[in-house]
Amino acid sequence: MKTKYTIKAKAIRQIPEPNVLSTNGYNTRRWTLLVNVSDLPQGVSDKPNPRQPKVNRKLWREIKAELLNDGDAPENIFHLKNKGITISVESFQRNRKREECSIVLDDQHLHGILDGGHTYTIISESQDSILERNEQGDNIQQFVKMEVLENYPDELISEIARGLNTGIQVKEKSLANLDNKFDKIKDAIKGQVYENNVAYNENGNEKIDIETILAHLYMFNTRDFSASSRVVPIRAYSAKAGYRDHYLKNLDLYDSLAEHTPIFLEMSDYISSTARDAWNNAKAGRKGGRLSIIKNGKTDFYFLDTQGNYSLERSALYPILSAFRVFLNYDEKTNKFTWTKTLKEMKKIWDTNGSQMLEIAKSTTYGTSPHMRGRNKDLWDRCTVEMLLIR
């Protein structure tokens, strides 16, 4: 849906695009504006920005103080100290007589703020305060620089955003999301209770980090970690960059695997939330709450949409969960993954055999701390072998 904004500007200049964009069939134009912060329109989309604004850091509180002339800098020089806002638009129209321009945004993934989201958020949140203080006699006349990129080709938007967002390092997951590399996962979890609770950007407020989901896909990648190969996906626990980079380098594989994401995630929370009961129910007098691999304390199991007072420590959960990949086959010819057991059947296998899996995981043979246990290849291998025997 097209959205139009009108912006009053102190200055509007068109800057020639010096490279092949201007001569290779693209109708691109670059504009530079100097805008009074009070005239900056509200509600401009920041979807193309790989990072969601998070302005509660000390740095941004200091910038806000300078915007309101409360800092140590001379008054009204905000535009000299701030690099401004870069925005991608479908079209730009200039009205010379009225000293204003209009911009049109169409595609939410391409049009909107590419850089300067924090600056835009601070200004938007401060406009009422600026108006009120000026009515009381203050003289807050701050300006902000805007660079408007009109009709730039789709394939360049993420590259432009990547290059602009280097002042504070942008995490790869944010850039991957901008490049639509999580779309298959989003499709797979559509309709799930946690669908809208996944943070795809580094400053997202959602409870589930996309990298947690990537770790689960990595654990069930039976092309590279088949049970028979005895190669285990230990980096799901030990190396976040490792499994994330593997995902990004093997998108065709993981796009195929992604449809099974809800099964991985539900099985994960099921094992974790029932671990104490699985241990206690196997033998009278057992107290799973005292096991070092079982954590006491209220836990949200987002993939089940429940809460519990006990959960399985990740260093034990991941090797056990990964062992269930013995029920997932990979066909190299079709690049498809198929289950030999249903989710209900795998839950029953856990209910029946969970205690012996926990017996393996709690052994000090594999380490006396979570850090040592989760990184122990022999534990991962032993859990897989045990599941092969169970099946």
Protein backbone atom coordinates (compact mmCIF):
# COMPACT_ATOMS: atom_id res chain seq x y z
CA MET A 1 0.00 0.00 0.00
CA LYS A 2 1.39 3.37 -1.02
CA THR A 3 2.02 5.89 1.73
CA LYS A 4 2.68 9.55 1.03
CA TYR A 5 4.45 12.04 3.31
CA THR A 6 4.91 15.78 2.87
CA ILE A 7 8.08 17.32 4.29
CA LYS A 8 8.91 21.00 4.70
CA ALA A 9 12.59 21.57 4.13
CA LYS A 10 15.04 24.42 4.71
CA ALA A 11 17.05 23.20 1.73
CA ILE A 12 16.50 20.63 -1.01
CA ARG A 13 19.28 19.63 -3.38
CA GLN A 14 19.52 16.95 -6.03
CA ILE A 15 22.86 15.15 -6.19
CA PRO A 16 23.81 13.35 -9.42
CA GLU A 17 24.32 9.60 -9.12
CA PRO A 18 27.89 9.17 -10.43
CA ASN A 19 27.87 5.49 -11.39
CA VAL A 20 26.12 3.22 -13.88
CA LEU A 21 22.76 3.51 -12.12
CA SER A 22 22.17 6.80 -13.89
CA THR A 23 23.03 5.45 -17.34
CA ASN A 24 21.90 1.83 -17.21
CA GLY A 25 18.15 2.18 -17.51
CA TYR A 26 17.46 3.02 -13.86
CA ASN A 27 15.50 6.18 -13.14
CA THR A 28 17.29 6.80 -9.85
CA ARG A 29 17.70 10.16 -8.16
CA ARG A 30 19.44 11.16 -4.94
CA TRP A 31 18.20 14.07 -2.86
CA THR A 32 19.64 15.84 0.18
CA LEU A 33 17.35 17.75 2.55
CA LEU A 34 17.85 19.89 5.63
CA VAL A 35 14.70 19.56 7.73
CA ASN A 36 13.61 21.22 10.95
CA VAL A 37 13.12 18.35 13.39
CA SER A 38 9.66 19.66 14.22
CA ASP A 39 8.65 19.18 10.57
CA LEU A 40 9.82 15.58 10.33
CA PRO A 41 6.74 13.41 9.63
CA GLN A 42 5.71 10.73 12.08
CA GLY A 43 5.24 7.06 11.22
CA VAL A 44 7.85 6.55 8.49
CA SER A 45 8.57 2.83 8.15
CA ASP A 46 11.91 1.43 9.31
CA LYS A 47 11.35 -2.05 7.84
CA PRO A 48 14.32 -1.87 5.45
CA ASN A 49 16.63 -1.03 8.35
CA PRO A 50 18.41 -4.23 9.46
CA ARG A 51 18.37 -3.10 13.07
CA GLN A 52 15.39 -1.97 15.11
CA PRO A 53 16.02 1.23 17.09
CA LYS A 54 17.00 0.76 20.72
CA VAL A 55 17.42 4.21 22.23
CA ASN A 56 17.78 3.42 25.92
CA ARG A 57 21.56 3.22 25.71
CA LYS A 58 23.63 5.96 27.31
CA LEU A 59 24.88 7.20 23.93
CA TRP A 60 21.37 7.80 22.62
CA ARG A 61 20.24 9.43 25.85
CA GLU A 62 23.10 11.88 25.42
CA ILE A 63 22.11 12.54 21.81
CA LYS A 64 18.54 13.21 22.89
CA ALA A 65 19.81 15.71 25.46
CA GLU A 66 21.69 17.56 22.72
CA LEU A 67 18.59 17.54 20.52
CA LEU A 68 16.76 19.36 23.33
CA ASN A 69 19.71 21.73 23.89
CA ASP A 70 20.30 20.13 27.29
CA GLY A 71 23.79 18.87 26.51
CA ASP A 72 27.18 20.52 26.76
CA ALA A 73 27.38 21.41 23.05
CA PRO A 74 26.38 24.85 21.70
CA GLU A 75 22.68 25.14 21.01
CA ASN A 76 21.02 24.16 17.75
CA ILE A 77 23.93 22.38 16.06
CA PHE A 78 22.34 18.93 16.02
CA HIS A 79 22.65 18.68 12.22
CA LEU A 80 26.41 19.23 12.45
CA LYS A 81 27.00 16.40 14.91
CA ASN A 82 24.52 13.83 13.63
CA LYS A 83 24.99 12.02 10.31
CA GLY A 84 21.25 12.12 9.69
CA ILE A 85 18.68 9.80 8.14
CA THR A 86 18.79 7.86 4.89
CA ILE A 87 15.50 6.78 3.39
CA SER A 88 14.56 4.78 0.31
CA VAL A 89 11.42 5.86 -1.56
CA GLU A 90 9.47 4.95 -4.66
CA SER A 91 9.09 8.54 -5.81
CA PHE A 92 10.04 12.09 -4.81
CA GLN A 93 8.28 15.29 -5.86
CA ARG A 94 9.65 18.77 -5.17
CA ASN A 95 7.49 21.86 -4.73
CA ARG A 96 9.81 24.84 -5.10
CA LYS A 97 7.17 27.47 -4.33
CA ARG A 98 6.18 25.95 -0.99
CA GLU A 99 9.70 24.82 -0.03
CA GLU A 100 8.53 21.29 0.55
CA CYS A 101 8.62 17.88 -1.02
CA SER A 102 6.50 14.76 -1.02
CA ILE A 103 7.79 11.19 -0.86
CA VAL A 104 5.91 7.98 -1.63
CA LEU A 105 6.68 4.61 -0.02
CA ASP A 106 5.22 1.47 -1.55
CA ASP A 107 7.02 -1.80 -0.73
CA GLN A 108 7.63 -2.05 3.04
CA HIS A 109 10.72 -4.22 2.52
CA LEU A 110 12.33 -1.72 0.15
CA HIS A 111 11.00 1.71 1.09
CA GLY A 112 11.62 3.39 4.40
CA ILE A 113 14.51 4.23 6.69
CA LEU A 114 17.74 2.45 5.73
CA ASP A 115 19.95 4.22 8.25
CA GLY A 116 19.37 6.66 11.07
CA GLY A 117 16.49 4.78 12.68
CA HIS A 118 17.75 5.71 16.13
CA THR A 119 17.94 9.38 15.14
CA TYR A 120 14.43 9.25 13.67
CA THR A 121 13.02 7.58 16.79
CA ILE A 122 14.61 10.12 19.13
CA ILE A 123 13.30 13.02 17.06
CA SER A 124 9.80 11.54 16.80
CA GLU A 125 9.64 10.97 20.55
CA SER A 126 10.87 14.52 21.25
CA GLN A 127 8.64 16.58 18.96
CA ASP A 128 5.94 17.19 21.59
CA SER A 129 8.56 18.23 24.15
CA ILE A 130 10.17 20.60 21.66
CA LEU A 131 6.79 22.21 20.87
CA GLU A 132 5.92 22.58 24.55
CA ARG A 133 9.30 24.03 25.48
CA ASN A 134 9.27 26.49 22.59
CA GLU A 135 5.82 27.67 23.70
CA GLN A 136 7.36 28.34 27.10
CA GLY A 137 10.10 30.52 25.61
CA ASP A 138 12.88 28.11 24.65
CA ASN A 139 14.51 28.39 21.24
CA ILE A 140 14.96 24.84 20.04
CA GLN A 141 15.52 25.13 16.30
CA GLN A 142 17.27 21.89 15.45
CA PHE A 143 17.69 20.50 11.97
CA VAL A 144 18.45 17.03 10.67
CA LYS A 145 20.02 15.97 7.38
CA MET A 146 18.04 13.60 5.20
CA GLU A 147 19.27 11.69 2.19
CA VAL A 148 16.46 10.38 0.00
CA LEU A 149 17.19 7.59 -2.49
CA GLU A 150 14.50 7.54 -5.16
CA ASN A 151 13.69 4.42 -7.17
CA TYR A 152 16.89 2.51 -6.48
CA PRO A 153 16.90 -1.10 -7.73
CA ASP A 154 15.60 -3.74 -5.32
CA GLU A 155 18.80 -5.78 -5.29
CA LEU A 156 20.83 -2.82 -4.03
CA ILE A 157 18.70 -1.86 -1.04
CA SER A 158 20.11 -4.47 1.36
CA GLU A 159 23.66 -3.72 0.18
CA ILE A 160 23.15 -0.01 0.78
CA ALA A 161 21.73 -0.69 4.25
CA ARG A 162 24.59 -3.05 5.01
CA GLY A 163 27.15 -0.41 4.10
CA LEU A 164 25.45 2.41 5.98
CA ASN A 165 24.98 0.48 9.21
CA THR A 166 28.62 0.15 10.18
CA GLY A 167 28.87 2.79 12.94
CA ILE A 168 27.48 0.23 15.39
CA GLN A 169 28.12 -3.25 14.04
CA VAL A 170 25.01 -4.88 12.59
CA LYS A 171 24.64 -8.54 13.37
CA GLU A 172 24.49 -10.98 10.47
CA LYS A 173 21.03 -12.19 11.45
CA SER A 174 19.65 -8.66 10.94
CA LEU A 175 21.17 -8.43 7.48
CA ALA A 176 19.99 -11.95 6.64
CA ASN A 177 16.47 -10.96 7.60
CA LEU A 178 16.73 -7.89 5.37
CA ASP A 179 17.74 -10.22 2.53
CA ASN A 180 14.61 -12.37 3.17
CA LYS A 181 16.72 -15.39 4.10
CA PHE A 182 14.37 -16.40 6.91
CA ASP A 183 11.23 -16.40 4.78
CA LYS A 184 10.90 -20.20 4.71
CA ILE A 185 11.10 -20.32 8.49
CA LYS A 186 8.47 -17.58 8.74
CA ASP A 187 6.23 -19.56 6.40
CA ALA A 188 6.75 -22.74 8.44
CA ILE A 189 5.78 -21.21 11.78
CA LYS A 190 2.83 -19.24 10.42
CA GLY A 191 -0.17 -19.94 12.61
CA GLN A 192 1.92 -21.17 15.54
CA VAL A 193 1.35 -19.50 18.92
CA TYR A 194 4.89 -18.12 18.84
CA GLU A 195 4.73 -16.81 15.26
CA ASN A 196 4.89 -13.16 16.32
CA ASN A 197 7.31 -13.72 19.19
CA VAL A 198 10.48 -14.29 17.13
CA ALA A 199 13.14 -11.57 16.98
CA TYR A 200 14.68 -11.45 13.53
CA ASN A 201 16.55 -8.19 14.21
CA GLU A 202 19.16 -7.69 16.89
CA ASN A 203 17.19 -5.11 18.87
CA GLY A 204 13.83 -6.83 18.63
CA ASN A 205 11.80 -7.10 21.82
CA GLU A 206 10.40 -10.53 21.00
CA LYS A 207 11.26 -13.36 23.38
CA ILE A 208 12.59 -15.93 20.89
CA ASP A 209 15.86 -15.23 19.09
CA ILE A 210 15.90 -16.44 15.48
CA GLU A 211 19.32 -17.92 16.23
CA THR A 212 17.69 -20.36 18.66
CA ILE A 213 15.61 -21.62 15.76
CA LEU A 214 18.68 -21.80 13.53
CA ALA A 215 20.39 -23.98 16.15
CA HIS A 216 17.46 -26.40 16.05
CA LEU A 217 17.57 -26.63 12.25
CA TYR A 218 21.30 -27.27 12.44
CA MET A 219 20.76 -30.12 14.91
CA PHE A 220 18.35 -31.85 12.52
CA ASN A 221 20.40 -31.39 9.37
CA THR A 222 20.68 -35.08 8.50
CA ARG A 223 22.43 -34.39 5.23
CA ASP A 224 25.59 -33.34 7.07
CA PHE A 225 24.90 -35.03 10.42
CA SER A 226 23.25 -38.34 9.66
CA ALA A 227 23.12 -40.75 12.58
CA SER A 228 25.10 -43.36 10.65
CA SER A 229 27.97 -40.97 9.91
CA ARG A 230 28.70 -40.48 13.63
CA VAL A 231 29.33 -36.78 12.87
CA VAL A 232 27.44 -34.72 15.45
CA PRO A 233 26.09 -31.14 15.18
CA ILE A 234 27.89 -30.00 18.32
CA ARG A 235 28.24 -26.43 17.05
CA ALA A 236 24.53 -25.97 17.73
CA TYR A 237 25.64 -25.57 21.35
CA SER A 238 29.20 -24.33 21.07
CA ALA A 239 29.40 -21.96 18.11
CA LYS A 240 26.57 -19.56 17.28
CA ALA A 241 28.48 -18.10 14.34
CA GLY A 242 29.16 -21.63 13.13
CA TYR A 243 25.57 -22.78 12.75
CA ARG A 244 24.36 -19.37 11.57
CA ASP A 245 27.00 -19.22 8.84
CA HIS A 246 26.25 -22.81 7.85
CA TYR A 247 22.61 -21.85 7.42
CA LEU A 248 23.42 -18.82 5.29
CA LYS A 249 25.80 -20.81 3.08
CA ASN A 250 23.35 -23.69 2.55
CA LEU A 251 20.03 -21.94 2.04
CA ASP A 252 18.66 -24.49 -0.43
CA LEU A 253 19.15 -27.23 2.13
CA TYR A 254 17.71 -25.30 5.05
CA ASP A 255 14.82 -23.95 2.99
CA SER A 256 13.80 -27.58 2.51
CA LEU A 257 14.37 -28.43 6.16
CA ALA A 258 12.50 -25.34 7.39
CA GLU A 259 9.04 -26.84 6.90
CA HIS A 260 9.75 -29.18 9.81
CA THR A 261 10.66 -26.33 12.18
CA PRO A 262 7.47 -26.56 14.32
CA ILE A 263 8.24 -30.24 15.05
CA PHE A 264 11.82 -29.49 16.16
CA LEU A 265 10.69 -26.67 18.41
CA GLU A 266 7.73 -28.45 19.98
CA MET A 267 9.83 -31.54 20.65
CA SER A 268 12.51 -29.33 22.22
CA ASP A 269 10.14 -27.74 24.72
CA TYR A 270 8.40 -31.05 25.37
CA ILE A 271 11.66 -32.73 26.39
CA SER A 272 12.77 -29.77 28.48
CA SER A 273 9.44 -29.27 30.27
CA THR A 274 8.94 -32.98 31.11
CA ALA A 275 12.54 -33.95 31.95
CA ARG A 276 11.96 -33.89 35.72
CA ASP A 277 8.86 -36.07 35.41
CA ALA A 278 10.61 -38.45 33.02
CA TRP A 279 13.32 -38.95 35.64
CA ASN A 280 11.00 -39.25 38.64
CA ASN A 281 8.51 -41.60 37.00
CA ALA A 282 11.15 -44.17 36.07
CA LYS A 283 11.84 -45.23 39.66
CA ALA A 284 10.22 -44.57 43.01
CA GLY A 285 11.97 -42.06 45.25
CA ARG A 286 13.77 -40.21 42.51
CA LYS A 287 14.02 -36.41 42.78
CA GLY A 288 14.74 -34.94 39.38
CA GLY A 289 14.68 -31.44 40.78
CA ARG A 290 18.02 -32.19 42.41
CA LEU A 291 19.78 -33.20 39.20
CA SER A 292 22.43 -30.73 38.12
CA ILE A 293 21.12 -30.84 34.53
CA ILE A 294 17.60 -29.83 35.59
CA LYS A 295 17.08 -26.16 36.43
CA ASN A 296 14.65 -24.99 39.09
CA GLY A 297 12.72 -21.81 38.43
CA LYS A 298 9.80 -20.55 36.42
CA THR A 299 10.40 -21.07 32.72
CA ASP A 300 8.41 -20.00 29.68
CA PHE A 301 8.08 -22.76 27.11
CA TYR A 302 7.14 -20.56 24.19
CA PHE A 303 6.90 -23.38 21.67
CA LEU A 304 4.27 -25.11 23.83
CA ASP A 305 2.69 -21.88 25.07
CA THR A 306 3.07 -23.02 28.68
CA GLN A 307 5.07 -22.30 31.82
CA GLY A 308 6.79 -24.68 34.18
CA ASN A 309 8.94 -24.73 37.28
CA TYR A 310 11.60 -27.08 35.93
CA SER A 311 13.53 -27.19 32.67
CA LEU A 312 16.36 -29.21 31.20
CA GLU A 313 19.71 -27.46 31.01
CA ARG A 314 20.60 -26.65 27.40
CA SER A 315 23.90 -28.55 27.57
CA ALA A 316 21.86 -31.72 28.18
CA LEU A 317 18.80 -30.80 26.11
CA TYR A 318 20.62 -30.26 22.83
CA PRO A 319 22.51 -33.59 22.70
CA ILE A 320 19.32 -35.47 23.66
CA LEU A 321 17.08 -33.56 21.26
CA SER A 322 19.57 -33.93 18.42
CA ALA A 323 19.47 -37.70 18.87
CA PHE A 324 15.90 -37.66 17.56
CA ARG A 325 17.31 -36.85 14.12
CA VAL A 326 17.63 -40.64 13.71
CA PHE A 327 13.94 -40.48 12.72
CA LEU A 328 14.52 -37.91 9.94
CA ASN A 329 15.76 -39.11 6.56
CA TYR A 330 17.29 -36.98 3.82
CA ASP A 331 16.93 -37.75 0.11
CA GLU A 332 19.83 -36.21 -1.79
CA LYS A 333 18.08 -36.55 -5.16
CA THR A 334 15.02 -34.58 -4.14
CA ASN A 335 16.59 -32.49 -1.37
CA LYS A 336 13.69 -33.50 0.87
CA PHE A 337 13.48 -34.52 4.52
CA THR A 338 10.94 -37.12 5.67
CA TRP A 339 10.09 -38.51 9.09
CA THR A 340 9.92 -42.17 10.00
CA LYS A 341 8.02 -41.31 13.19
CA THR A 342 5.28 -38.82 13.94
CA LEU A 343 5.64 -36.14 16.58
CA LYS A 344 3.23 -38.06 18.81
CA GLU A 345 5.33 -41.21 18.44
CA MET A 346 8.56 -39.36 19.25
CA LYS A 347 6.99 -37.88 22.37
CA LYS A 348 6.01 -41.38 23.45
CA ILE A 349 9.57 -42.59 22.86
CA TRP A 350 10.78 -39.79 25.12
CA ASP A 351 8.19 -40.57 27.80
CA THR A 352 9.29 -44.20 27.81
CA ASN A 353 13.04 -43.77 27.46
CA GLY A 354 13.73 -40.28 28.75
CA SER A 355 15.16 -41.45 32.05
CA GLN A 356 17.94 -43.45 30.40
CA MET A 357 18.78 -40.51 28.15
CA LEU A 358 19.00 -38.31 31.23
CA GLU A 359 21.16 -40.92 32.92
CA ILE A 360 23.65 -40.52 30.11
CA ALA A 361 23.51 -36.72 30.10
CA LYS A 362 24.03 -36.33 33.84
CA SER A 363 27.18 -38.45 33.93
CA THR A 364 30.24 -36.52 35.05
CA THR A 365 32.14 -38.50 32.42
CA TYR A 366 31.10 -35.81 30.00
CA GLY A 367 32.00 -32.86 32.19
CA THR A 368 31.23 -31.33 35.54
CA SER A 369 29.91 -28.02 34.19
CA PRO A 370 27.37 -27.09 31.51
CA HIS A 371 30.15 -25.55 29.43
CA MET A 372 32.14 -28.79 29.41
CA ARG A 373 29.09 -31.03 28.92
CA GLY A 374 27.59 -29.14 26.00
CA ARG A 375 30.90 -29.12 24.16
CA ASN A 376 31.66 -32.80 24.72
CA LYS A 377 31.46 -34.67 21.40
CA ASP A 378 31.27 -38.02 23.16
CA LEU A 379 28.03 -37.02 24.92
CA TRP A 380 26.39 -36.06 21.64
CA ASP A 381 27.57 -39.27 20.04
CA ARG A 382 26.46 -41.42 23.00
CA CYS A 383 22.96 -39.93 22.94
CA THR A 384 22.66 -40.62 19.22
CA VAL A 385 23.84 -44.21 19.60
CA GLU A 386 21.36 -44.76 22.43
CA MET A 387 18.51 -43.45 20.25
CA LEU A 388 19.57 -45.74 17.43
CA LEU A 389 19.27 -48.69 19.85
CA ILE A 390 15.88 -47.48 21.10
CA ARG A 391 14.35 -47.13 17.68
